[in-house]
């Protein structure tokens, strides 16, 4: 059962929830000021978006992962954790004033569960680059160079190692992937800015482009896959890695990037006679769009098309791919190629 809310309704509910919170907790207005109150409304609206996505997909893990992420963020910003539990409680109350009783009860149940679990969620996110990780030294050096703003040095570190024989697949999985996850952690814990995060992501895409001569070298299998993020999702590095892994496995990959309109994507599938569609979903709020895209692709290309999904929501809830109509999911670029082989074997 979906909870259909317009953007205006979400904003109104968030305003009501924050109004209740500020009315009950003395000193919030003085502590955070008008700008802080506005940020609280924005955060509550975002929490409501994740809550609705979790309810629509009957997935408490989607919501609890977001609340756990929020807790770490609050701690890093020195915001009282009681303010987080209080905001979840007033969001529940505000929802009861705006949506039907049965839907409000479902939402209240999930919110109560999250409030109960809040105490056991960690207060910090550990580094994702442990000292014993594969190529940890290279990953640290690469990330340190980018944090210092030296894109050329970061590029040279990787290219020198690849020219010396390090497989591109290992660079993707053991250097770029953990480095970018670490960047997300550093932003979450208030140690870098959004501008730095964007710079590092863009720099990594540039280095990936420089690695193209080492990728497009294998024998072709005469098969095609198309890769795209759903409309509205602007994250694309992970999906590009998936497309490159298919290239290294002998496929012709057509990487369409982020925010591709669904109709144009389905047209491309037919024009390319694609066997596989890879769909990336980074944010839970985009799951509904992904489900609509998958249904459209099925209608336009038939059941022979293999549709594979990946991204953070599917890592959190391993059964989520079934609910949106995909044929499978993968947690990594290497796993995507293996998953397609497994699906094809099962279909024989």
Protein backbone atom coordinates (compact mmCIF):
# COMPACT_ATOMS: atom_id res chain seq x y z
CA UNK A 1 0.00 0.00 0.00
CA UNK A 2 1.53 3.30 -1.14
CA UNK A 3 1.35 6.63 0.65
CA UNK A 4 0.84 9.09 -2.23
CA UNK A 5 1.97 12.53 -1.13
CA UNK A 6 2.68 15.55 -3.31
CA UNK A 7 5.75 17.69 -2.66
CA UNK A 8 3.47 20.36 -1.22
CA UNK A 9 1.92 17.86 1.18
CA UNK A 10 5.34 16.63 2.30
CA UNK A 11 6.42 20.18 2.99
CA UNK A 12 3.25 20.87 4.97
CA UNK A 13 3.67 17.72 7.07
CA UNK A 14 7.33 18.56 7.72
CA UNK A 15 6.40 22.09 8.81
CA UNK A 16 3.74 20.71 11.17
CA UNK A 17 6.14 18.15 12.65
CA UNK A 18 8.83 20.76 13.31
CA UNK A 19 6.24 23.09 14.77
CA UNK A 20 5.24 20.37 17.24
CA UNK A 21 8.88 19.67 18.09
CA UNK A 22 9.74 23.32 18.71
CA UNK A 23 6.59 23.78 20.76
CA UNK A 24 7.52 20.93 23.10
CA UNK A 25 11.28 21.33 23.44
CA UNK A 26 12.20 24.58 25.07
CA UNK A 27 15.27 26.37 23.77
CA UNK A 28 15.36 24.95 20.25
CA UNK A 29 14.52 28.28 18.63
CA UNK A 30 17.27 30.05 20.57
CA UNK A 31 19.78 27.25 20.00
CA UNK A 32 19.39 26.92 16.24
CA UNK A 33 17.84 30.22 15.12
CA UNK A 34 15.63 30.75 12.01
CA UNK A 35 18.16 29.15 9.64
CA UNK A 36 18.41 26.10 11.87
CA UNK A 37 14.64 25.74 11.95
CA UNK A 38 14.50 25.86 8.18
CA UNK A 39 17.19 23.17 7.99
CA UNK A 40 15.16 21.08 10.45
CA UNK A 41 12.14 21.33 8.13
CA UNK A 42 14.27 20.26 5.16
CA UNK A 43 15.68 17.30 7.11
CA UNK A 44 12.21 16.24 8.26
CA UNK A 45 10.90 16.38 4.71
CA UNK A 46 13.82 14.18 3.64
CA UNK A 47 13.09 11.76 6.49
CA UNK A 48 9.47 11.62 5.34
CA UNK A 49 10.63 10.79 1.81
CA UNK A 50 12.68 7.85 3.06
CA UNK A 51 9.85 6.74 5.33
CA UNK A 52 7.40 6.68 2.42
CA UNK A 53 9.86 4.73 0.25
CA UNK A 54 10.32 2.16 3.03
CA UNK A 55 6.57 1.82 3.56
CA UNK A 56 5.86 1.59 -0.17
CA UNK A 57 8.37 -1.26 -0.43
CA UNK A 58 7.49 -2.86 2.92
CA UNK A 59 11.13 -2.54 3.96
CA UNK A 60 12.02 -1.44 7.48
CA UNK A 61 15.76 -1.90 6.72
CA UNK A 62 15.57 0.95 4.19
CA UNK A 63 14.29 3.33 6.85
CA UNK A 64 16.44 2.10 9.73
CA UNK A 65 19.59 2.46 7.61
CA UNK A 66 18.65 6.07 6.91
CA UNK A 67 17.94 6.81 10.58
CA UNK A 68 21.26 5.20 11.53
CA UNK A 69 22.99 7.41 8.96
CA UNK A 70 21.21 10.45 10.43
CA UNK A 71 22.41 9.57 13.93
CA UNK A 72 26.04 9.60 12.84
CA UNK A 73 25.45 12.92 11.05
CA UNK A 74 23.81 14.46 14.14
CA UNK A 75 26.71 13.36 16.36
CA UNK A 76 29.25 14.85 13.93
CA UNK A 77 27.36 18.16 13.99
CA UNK A 78 27.07 18.13 17.79
CA UNK A 79 23.28 18.01 17.60
CA UNK A 80 21.47 16.47 20.55
CA UNK A 81 20.37 12.92 19.70
CA UNK A 82 17.16 13.55 21.61
CA UNK A 83 16.29 16.03 18.88
CA UNK A 84 16.39 13.17 16.38
CA UNK A 85 14.09 10.89 18.38
CA UNK A 86 11.84 13.87 19.07
CA UNK A 87 11.60 14.72 15.39
CA UNK A 88 10.65 11.13 14.54
CA UNK A 89 7.90 11.19 17.18
CA UNK A 90 6.43 14.51 16.03
CA UNK A 91 6.60 13.36 12.40
CA UNK A 92 4.39 10.43 13.39
CA UNK A 93 1.93 12.77 15.05
CA UNK A 94 1.89 15.17 12.10
CA UNK A 95 1.23 12.32 9.68
CA UNK A 96 -1.85 11.31 11.68
CA UNK A 97 -3.35 14.72 10.86
CA UNK A 98 -2.76 14.44 7.11
CA UNK A 99 -3.21 10.85 5.92
CA UNK A 100 -5.87 8.15 6.44
CA UNK A 101 -5.83 6.26 9.74
CA UNK A 102 -4.62 2.91 8.37
CA UNK A 103 -1.68 4.50 6.55
CA UNK A 104 -0.86 6.66 9.58
CA UNK A 105 -0.74 3.55 11.78
CA UNK A 106 1.68 1.81 9.42
CA UNK A 107 3.91 4.88 9.44
CA UNK A 108 3.67 5.23 13.23
CA UNK A 109 4.66 1.59 13.70
CA UNK A 110 7.80 1.99 11.59
CA UNK A 111 8.70 5.26 13.32
CA UNK A 112 8.25 3.71 16.78
CA UNK A 113 10.50 0.83 15.81
CA UNK A 114 13.18 3.24 14.59
CA UNK A 115 12.99 5.27 17.82
CA UNK A 116 13.39 2.06 19.83
CA UNK A 117 16.38 0.99 17.74
CA UNK A 118 18.02 4.41 17.81
CA UNK A 119 20.03 3.64 20.95
CA UNK A 120 21.75 0.64 19.39
CA UNK A 121 22.78 2.43 16.18
CA UNK A 122 26.49 3.38 16.16
CA UNK A 123 27.51 6.95 16.88
CA UNK A 124 30.30 6.96 14.31
CA UNK A 125 31.01 5.42 10.93
CA UNK A 126 34.34 3.56 10.85
CA UNK A 127 36.72 3.99 7.94
CA UNK A 128 36.01 1.73 4.98
CA UNK A 129 39.72 1.44 4.16
CA UNK A 130 41.24 -0.85 6.81
CA UNK A 131 45.00 -1.27 6.78
CA UNK A 132 44.77 -4.89 5.61
CA UNK A 133 42.42 -4.13 2.69
CA UNK A 134 43.68 -5.01 -0.81
CA UNK A 135 45.79 -2.11 -2.15
CA UNK A 136 45.01 -0.07 0.96
CA UNK A 137 48.25 1.92 0.65
CA UNK A 138 47.45 2.93 -2.94
CA UNK A 139 43.86 3.77 -2.00
CA UNK A 140 45.00 6.02 0.85
CA UNK A 141 47.60 7.75 -1.31
CA UNK A 142 45.07 8.27 -4.10
CA UNK A 143 42.49 9.71 -1.73
CA UNK A 144 45.03 11.90 0.09
CA UNK A 145 46.11 13.41 -3.22
CA UNK A 146 42.53 14.26 -4.13
CA UNK A 147 41.78 15.65 -0.68
CA UNK A 148 44.78 17.93 -1.24
CA UNK A 149 43.25 18.97 -4.57
CA UNK A 150 46.03 17.37 -6.65
CA UNK A 151 44.17 15.54 -9.40
CA UNK A 152 47.29 15.04 -11.52
CA UNK A 153 49.15 13.30 -8.71
CA UNK A 154 46.17 11.03 -8.02
CA UNK A 155 45.91 10.14 -11.69
CA UNK A 156 49.63 9.41 -11.95
CA UNK A 157 49.50 7.09 -8.93
CA UNK A 158 46.86 4.93 -10.60
CA UNK A 159 48.20 5.04 -14.14
CA UNK A 160 51.71 4.11 -13.03
CA UNK A 161 50.39 1.05 -11.21
CA UNK A 162 48.19 -0.04 -14.12
CA UNK A 163 51.04 0.40 -16.60
CA UNK A 164 53.12 -1.79 -14.26
CA UNK A 165 50.53 -4.56 -14.48
CA UNK A 166 47.83 -3.89 -11.88
CA UNK A 167 44.50 -4.99 -13.46
CA UNK A 168 41.95 -2.25 -14.02
CA UNK A 169 39.36 -4.47 -12.35
CA UNK A 170 41.34 -4.33 -9.10
CA UNK A 171 41.71 -0.56 -9.38
CA UNK A 172 37.95 -0.22 -9.70
CA UNK A 173 37.03 -2.60 -6.88
CA UNK A 174 39.91 -2.08 -4.45
CA UNK A 175 40.86 1.59 -5.01
CA UNK A 176 38.06 3.68 -6.53
CA UNK A 177 35.15 1.97 -4.79
CA UNK A 178 36.50 2.16 -1.22
CA UNK A 179 37.93 5.65 -1.82
CA UNK A 180 34.54 7.00 -2.88
CA UNK A 181 32.80 5.28 0.01
CA UNK A 182 35.33 6.85 2.34
CA UNK A 183 34.58 10.24 0.80
CA UNK A 184 30.91 9.73 1.64
CA UNK A 185 31.85 8.87 5.22
CA UNK A 186 34.05 11.95 5.52
CA UNK A 187 31.19 14.16 4.37
CA UNK A 188 28.74 12.44 6.71
CA UNK A 189 31.06 13.07 9.65
CA UNK A 190 31.53 16.74 8.71
CA UNK A 191 35.20 16.40 7.76
CA UNK A 192 34.96 17.52 4.13
CA UNK A 193 32.64 19.82 2.20
CA UNK A 194 30.18 19.02 -0.57
CA UNK A 195 32.53 20.83 -2.95
CA UNK A 196 35.37 18.47 -2.04
CA UNK A 197 33.10 15.46 -2.46
CA UNK A 198 32.08 16.62 -5.94
CA UNK A 199 35.68 17.36 -6.91
CA UNK A 200 36.84 13.88 -5.91
CA UNK A 201 33.98 12.21 -7.74
CA UNK A 202 34.64 14.22 -10.92
CA UNK A 203 38.38 13.56 -10.68
CA UNK A 204 37.76 9.82 -10.35
CA UNK A 205 35.58 9.89 -13.47
CA UNK A 206 38.45 11.59 -15.31
CA UNK A 207 40.92 8.92 -14.21
CA UNK A 208 38.46 6.22 -15.28
CA UNK A 209 38.35 7.80 -18.75
CA UNK A 210 42.16 7.71 -18.86
CA UNK A 211 42.00 3.96 -18.20
CA UNK A 212 39.88 3.32 -21.31
CA UNK A 213 42.82 2.06 -23.42
CA UNK A 214 43.32 -0.72 -20.87
CA UNK A 215 39.61 -1.67 -20.91
CA UNK A 216 38.63 -1.87 -24.58
CA UNK A 217 41.16 -4.54 -25.47
CA UNK A 218 39.42 -7.91 -25.13
CA UNK A 219 37.73 -10.14 -27.68
CA UNK A 220 34.09 -9.20 -28.24
CA UNK A 221 31.23 -11.63 -27.61
CA UNK A 222 28.77 -9.88 -29.91
CA UNK A 223 26.37 -9.09 -27.06
CA UNK A 224 25.17 -5.76 -25.76
CA UNK A 225 24.20 -4.29 -22.41
CA UNK A 226 22.77 -0.86 -21.67
CA UNK A 227 23.43 0.87 -18.35
CA UNK A 228 21.61 3.89 -16.93
CA UNK A 229 20.50 5.51 -13.71
CA UNK A 230 16.80 6.17 -13.22
CA UNK A 231 15.40 9.61 -13.96
CA UNK A 232 16.22 12.01 -11.14
CA UNK A 233 19.20 10.00 -9.86
CA UNK A 234 22.42 11.91 -10.52
CA UNK A 235 24.88 9.33 -9.14
CA UNK A 236 26.69 7.54 -11.91
CA UNK A 237 30.23 6.45 -11.03
CA UNK A 238 29.22 2.99 -9.78
CA UNK A 239 27.13 2.36 -12.87
CA UNK A 240 29.97 3.40 -15.12
CA UNK A 241 32.15 0.83 -13.37
CA UNK A 242 29.51 -1.80 -14.13
CA UNK A 243 29.50 -0.87 -17.82
CA UNK A 244 33.30 -1.05 -17.95
CA UNK A 245 33.31 -4.49 -16.29
CA UNK A 246 30.98 -5.76 -19.01
CA UNK A 247 33.39 -4.33 -21.59
CA UNK A 248 36.26 -6.19 -19.93
CA UNK A 249 34.13 -9.35 -20.13
CA UNK A 250 33.74 -8.94 -23.91
CA UNK A 251 30.36 -7.21 -24.04
CA UNK A 252 29.50 -4.04 -25.91
CA UNK A 253 28.31 -1.70 -23.19
CA UNK A 254 26.31 1.46 -23.79
CA UNK A 255 26.61 3.67 -20.76
CA UNK A 256 23.86 6.28 -20.88
CA UNK A 257 24.70 7.95 -17.57
CA UNK A 258 22.43 9.63 -15.09
CA UNK A 259 18.91 11.00 -15.27
CA UNK A 260 17.89 9.27 -18.51
CA UNK A 261 14.18 9.64 -19.42
CA UNK A 262 12.53 6.21 -19.32
CA UNK A 263 11.07 6.34 -22.84
CA UNK A 264 14.43 7.27 -24.36
CA UNK A 265 16.07 4.42 -22.44
CA UNK A 266 13.58 1.85 -23.74
CA UNK A 267 14.10 3.17 -27.29
CA UNK A 268 17.85 2.71 -26.86
CA UNK A 269 17.36 -0.88 -25.68
CA UNK A 270 15.54 -1.73 -28.90
CA UNK A 271 17.96 0.13 -31.13
CA UNK A 272 20.94 -1.62 -29.56
CA UNK A 273 19.23 -5.03 -29.43
CA UNK A 274 20.40 -5.22 -25.85
CA UNK A 275 20.39 -8.46 -23.88
CA UNK A 276 20.89 -6.78 -20.50
CA UNK A 277 19.67 -3.59 -18.87
CA UNK A 278 21.63 -2.43 -15.83
CA UNK A 279 19.75 0.04 -13.64
CA UNK A 280 21.35 2.01 -10.82
CA UNK A 281 19.31 3.35 -7.90
CA UNK A 282 21.25 5.25 -5.26
CA UNK A 283 18.41 6.83 -3.29
CA UNK A 284 15.40 4.98 -1.89
CA UNK A 285 13.08 7.74 -3.10
CA UNK A 286 13.83 6.68 -6.69
CA UNK A 287 12.68 3.08 -6.28
CA UNK A 288 9.20 3.86 -7.59
CA UNK A 289 10.72 5.39 -10.72
CA UNK A 290 12.89 2.30 -11.12
CA UNK A 291 9.85 0.01 -10.88
CA UNK A 292 8.07 2.06 -13.54
CA UNK A 293 11.13 1.92 -15.79
CA UNK A 294 11.41 -1.85 -15.39
CA UNK A 295 7.74 -2.32 -16.26
CA UNK A 296 8.17 -0.12 -19.33
CA UNK A 297 11.26 -2.04 -20.43
CA UNK A 298 9.43 -5.35 -20.03
CA UNK A 299 6.53 -4.08 -22.11
CA UNK A 300 8.83 -2.74 -24.82
CA UNK A 301 11.46 -5.48 -25.00
CA UNK A 302 9.78 -8.66 -23.76
CA UNK A 303 10.78 -11.18 -21.13
CA UNK A 304 14.05 -12.12 -22.84
CA UNK A 305 15.70 -8.95 -21.57
CA UNK A 306 17.66 -9.44 -18.34
CA UNK A 307 17.16 -6.52 -15.98
CA UNK A 308 19.77 -6.17 -13.26
CA UNK A 309 19.66 -3.55 -10.52
CA UNK A 310 22.21 -2.26 -8.08
CA UNK A 311 22.85 0.53 -5.64
CA UNK A 312 22.65 1.32 -1.95
CA UNK A 313 18.95 0.42 -1.36
CA UNK A 314 19.47 -3.09 -2.73
CA UNK A 315 22.54 -3.64 -0.56
CA UNK A 316 20.45 -2.69 2.48
CA UNK A 317 17.50 -4.94 1.57
CA UNK A 318 18.65 -7.97 -0.50
CA UNK A 319 15.06 -8.88 -1.46
CA UNK A 320 14.15 -5.46 -2.76
CA UNK A 321 14.98 -6.27 -6.39
CA UNK A 322 12.14 -8.79 -6.51
CA UNK A 323 9.60 -6.22 -5.35
CA UNK A 324 10.37 -3.84 -8.18
CA UNK A 325 10.34 -6.52 -10.89
CA UNK A 326 14.04 -7.00 -11.68
CA UNK A 327 15.69 -10.32 -12.51
CA UNK A 328 18.50 -9.89 -10.00
CA UNK A 329 20.85 -7.53 -8.21
CA UNK A 330 24.57 -7.11 -7.70
CA UNK A 331 26.58 -5.42 -4.96
CA UNK A 332 29.60 -4.76 -7.17
CA UNK A 333 30.58 -4.34 -10.81
CA UNK A 334 32.21 -7.78 -10.86
CA UNK A 335 29.11 -9.21 -9.24
CA UNK A 336 26.94 -7.76 -12.00
CA UNK A 337 28.71 -9.75 -14.72
CA UNK A 338 28.52 -12.90 -12.60
CA UNK A 339 24.82 -12.32 -11.83
CA UNK A 340 23.93 -12.14 -15.52
CA UNK A 341 25.78 -15.40 -16.16
CA UNK A 342 23.86 -17.05 -13.33
CA UNK A 343 20.48 -15.78 -14.59
CA UNK A 344 21.24 -16.98 -18.12
CA UNK A 345 22.24 -20.41 -16.87
CA UNK A 346 19.01 -20.67 -14.85
CA UNK A 347 16.97 -19.80 -17.94
CA UNK A 348 18.49 -22.53 -20.10
